[in-house]
Amino acid sequence: MNSKIRIRTCSSGDEAVLALIGQATFLEAFAGVLDGQNILAHCASAHSVECYRSWLADSRYQLWLAEISPGHAPVGYMAVAPSPLLLSDNSSRDLELKRIYVFSKFQGQGLGKRLLQEAIAESRARLAERLLLGVYEHNDAAIGFYTRMGFRKVGTRKFNMGGLECDDYIMGLTVAASESIHSENIL
């Protein structure tokens, strides 16, 4: 199926599709896990057209869409941005993998790895030291994926998800060009 899925960088004009896929994949990931009203409140603010429009207008943000052929329907997306995550060893050269979501129908086929490779390449191009991310502490599938890709737990944070305070792990991956990343972790 990978040959039918393309990954492309986003630009102005993609904000509506990003909002739609952001809301749909977040709802799919957390329906039945977290309270529905909190999920909907979170999606209304964190996955609004205005949110994605502002990210697309900010050169510090890079977003990608994964689209399937025929028809180029979106099946996943990702965003990389400056990291506001607070750690004892923060660096101004840290970046955050703010979002990486793929519909469950397309998981397990290498698309998440392909998206992550794009994020690592972008991080290296920006001369980042680390790529950080926040992940819900009970999202075992995502934590397993990130661990297999070489990320390690480096801290914790509280995350407000539509009025519900959740506990997240902060995970990090060293991406500095001087560091080697084992190819089996990202291929």
Protein backbone atom coordinates (compact mmCIF):
# COMPACT_ATOMS: atom_id res chain seq x y z
CA MET A 1 0.00 0.00 0.00
CA ASN A 2 2.96 2.39 0.55
CA SER A 3 3.35 2.83 -3.20
CA LYS A 4 -0.15 4.34 -3.31
CA ILE A 5 0.48 6.81 -0.47
CA ARG A 6 2.41 10.00 -1.07
CA ILE A 7 3.67 12.38 1.57
CA ARG A 8 3.72 16.04 0.66
CA THR A 9 4.57 19.24 2.47
CA CYS A 10 1.65 21.51 3.23
CA SER A 11 1.22 25.13 2.25
CA SER A 12 -1.31 27.92 2.61
CA GLY A 13 -4.66 26.59 1.45
CA ASP A 14 -4.25 23.24 3.26
CA GLU A 15 -5.65 24.50 6.58
CA ALA A 16 -9.17 23.08 6.09
CA VAL A 17 -7.95 19.59 5.19
CA LEU A 18 -5.48 19.68 8.11
CA ALA A 19 -8.26 20.68 10.51
CA LEU A 20 -10.50 17.91 9.22
CA ILE A 21 -7.89 15.18 9.38
CA GLY A 22 -6.61 16.49 12.71
CA GLN A 23 -10.07 16.25 14.25
CA ALA A 24 -10.90 12.89 12.64
CA THR A 25 -7.66 11.14 13.60
CA PHE A 26 -7.71 12.54 17.14
CA LEU A 27 -11.30 11.39 17.61
CA GLU A 28 -10.46 7.97 16.17
CA ALA A 29 -7.42 7.62 18.43
CA PHE A 30 -9.13 8.59 21.69
CA ALA A 31 -12.84 7.73 21.34
CA GLY A 32 -13.62 5.19 24.04
CA VAL A 33 -10.41 6.09 25.88
CA LEU A 34 -11.09 9.66 27.02
CA ASP A 35 -14.32 11.58 27.63
CA GLY A 36 -16.12 12.44 24.39
CA GLN A 37 -17.02 16.00 25.39
CA ASN A 38 -13.38 16.74 26.24
CA ILE A 39 -12.25 15.27 22.91
CA LEU A 40 -14.74 17.45 21.02
CA ALA A 41 -13.74 20.57 22.97
CA HIS A 42 -10.08 19.84 22.28
CA CYS A 43 -10.72 19.31 18.57
CA ALA A 44 -12.71 22.54 18.30
CA SER A 45 -9.77 24.60 19.56
CA ALA A 46 -6.55 22.65 18.90
CA HIS A 47 -7.66 21.42 15.47
CA SER A 48 -9.39 24.51 14.16
CA VAL A 49 -8.86 25.91 10.69
CA GLU A 50 -7.44 29.04 12.35
CA CYS A 51 -4.86 26.99 14.29
CA TYR A 52 -3.57 25.32 11.15
CA ARG A 53 -3.71 28.57 9.18
CA SER A 54 -1.44 30.22 11.77
CA TRP A 55 0.97 27.28 11.71
CA LEU A 56 1.14 27.34 7.92
CA ALA A 57 1.92 31.08 8.03
CA ASP A 58 4.75 30.56 10.55
CA SER A 59 8.06 29.57 8.94
CA ARG A 60 9.10 27.79 12.15
CA TYR A 61 6.39 25.16 11.51
CA GLN A 62 6.49 22.41 8.90
CA LEU A 63 3.45 20.24 8.16
CA TRP A 64 2.97 17.21 5.93
CA LEU A 65 -0.03 15.33 4.59
CA ALA A 66 -0.11 11.66 3.65
CA GLU A 67 -2.54 11.11 0.78
CA ILE A 68 -3.71 7.92 -0.89
CA SER A 69 -4.34 7.41 -4.58
CA PRO A 70 -6.53 7.48 -6.43
CA GLY A 71 -8.06 10.77 -5.40
CA HIS A 72 -5.43 12.04 -2.93
CA ALA A 73 -7.65 11.55 0.13
CA PRO A 74 -5.77 12.41 3.35
CA VAL A 75 -4.95 9.41 5.56
CA GLY A 76 -2.40 10.95 7.93
CA TYR A 77 -0.47 14.09 8.79
CA MET A 78 2.37 15.45 10.88
CA ALA A 79 3.66 18.76 12.26
CA VAL A 80 7.14 19.76 13.47
CA ALA A 81 7.70 23.04 15.33
CA PRO A 82 9.87 24.75 17.95
CA SER A 83 9.61 22.93 21.26
CA PRO A 84 7.91 24.59 24.20
CA LEU A 85 8.33 21.41 26.29
CA LEU A 86 9.97 22.17 29.60
CA LEU A 87 12.85 19.91 30.53
CA SER A 88 15.86 20.40 32.77
CA ASP A 89 18.15 20.10 29.75
CA ASN A 90 16.16 22.18 27.24
CA SER A 91 17.99 23.49 24.22
CA SER A 92 16.95 26.24 21.84
CA ARG A 93 17.84 23.69 19.17
CA ASP A 94 15.16 21.21 20.24
CA LEU A 95 12.19 20.70 17.94
CA GLU A 96 8.85 19.13 18.75
CA LEU A 97 6.96 16.55 16.77
CA LYS A 98 3.69 18.25 17.61
CA ARG A 99 1.43 15.83 15.80
CA ILE A 100 1.76 12.60 13.91
CA TYR A 101 -1.46 10.75 13.22
CA VAL A 102 -2.44 8.06 10.73
CA PHE A 103 -5.90 6.52 10.41
CA SER A 104 -5.90 3.04 11.98
CA LYS A 105 -6.77 1.45 8.61
CA PHE A 106 -3.35 2.58 7.34
CA GLN A 107 -1.27 1.80 10.43
CA GLY A 108 1.22 -1.05 10.48
CA GLN A 109 2.18 -0.51 6.83
CA GLY A 110 5.21 1.73 7.32
CA LEU A 111 3.49 5.09 6.85
CA GLY A 112 4.27 6.27 10.38
CA LYS A 113 7.93 5.40 9.80
CA ARG A 114 7.92 7.32 6.52
CA LEU A 115 6.41 10.36 8.21
CA LEU A 116 8.94 10.13 11.03
CA GLN A 117 11.78 9.97 8.51
CA GLU A 118 10.51 13.29 7.10
CA ALA A 119 10.48 14.78 10.60
CA ILE A 120 14.03 13.59 11.29
CA ALA A 121 15.27 14.95 7.95
CA GLU A 122 13.61 18.30 8.67
CA SER A 123 15.12 18.35 12.16
CA ARG A 124 18.58 17.67 10.82
CA ALA A 125 18.16 20.33 8.11
CA ARG A 126 17.34 22.82 10.88
CA LEU A 127 20.40 21.65 12.85
CA ALA A 128 18.22 20.50 15.74
CA GLU A 129 19.77 18.58 18.60
CA ARG A 130 16.68 16.60 19.57
CA LEU A 131 13.21 15.85 18.34
CA LEU A 132 10.81 15.81 21.30
CA LEU A 133 7.17 14.79 21.57
CA GLY A 134 4.42 14.48 24.14
CA VAL A 135 2.38 11.27 24.25
CA TYR A 136 -0.52 10.27 26.52
CA GLU A 137 0.92 7.97 29.17
CA HIS A 138 -1.71 5.27 28.47
CA ASN A 139 -1.26 5.30 24.68
CA ASP A 140 0.72 2.07 24.67
CA ALA A 141 0.65 1.63 20.88
CA ALA A 142 2.12 5.08 20.24
CA ILE A 143 4.70 4.71 23.02
CA GLY A 144 5.74 1.34 21.55
CA PHE A 145 6.07 2.86 18.08
CA TYR A 146 8.18 5.78 19.32
CA THR A 147 10.38 3.43 21.37
CA ARG A 148 10.96 1.20 18.34
CA MET A 149 11.95 4.32 16.41
CA GLY A 150 14.62 5.18 18.98
CA PHE A 151 12.79 7.68 21.22
CA ARG A 152 13.33 7.48 24.98
CA LYS A 153 11.32 8.91 27.85
CA VAL A 154 12.99 12.14 29.01
CA GLY A 155 10.28 13.70 31.19
CA THR A 156 6.59 14.19 31.91
CA ARG A 157 4.05 16.97 31.53
CA LYS A 158 0.43 17.83 32.19
CA PHE A 159 -1.62 18.26 29.00
CA ASN A 160 -4.97 20.01 28.90
CA MET A 161 -7.19 18.10 26.51
CA GLY A 162 -10.43 20.03 26.22
CA GLY A 163 -10.59 20.81 29.94
CA LEU A 164 -9.37 17.38 31.08
CA GLU A 165 -5.86 17.31 32.54
CA CYS A 166 -3.92 14.34 31.20
CA ASP A 167 -0.50 12.99 32.07
CA ASP A 168 1.89 12.77 29.13
CA TYR A 169 5.34 11.35 28.72
CA ILE A 170 7.88 13.53 26.97
CA MET A 171 10.01 11.40 24.67
CA GLY A 172 13.13 12.48 22.81
CA LEU A 173 15.34 11.37 19.97
CA THR A 174 18.82 12.80 19.35
CA VAL A 175 18.94 13.93 15.72
CA ALA A 176 22.08 16.10 15.66
CA ALA A 177 24.08 15.32 12.54
CA SER A 178 27.05 14.30 14.67
CA GLU A 179 24.95 11.58 16.28
CA SER A 180 24.26 8.39 14.43
CA ILE A 181 20.78 6.95 14.41
CA HIS A 182 20.66 3.26 13.76
CA SER A 183 18.99 2.69 10.41
CA GLU A 184 16.88 -0.12 11.80
CA ASN A 185 15.21 2.44 14.09
CA ILE A 186 13.92 4.58 11.24
CA LEU A 187 13.52 2.25 8.28
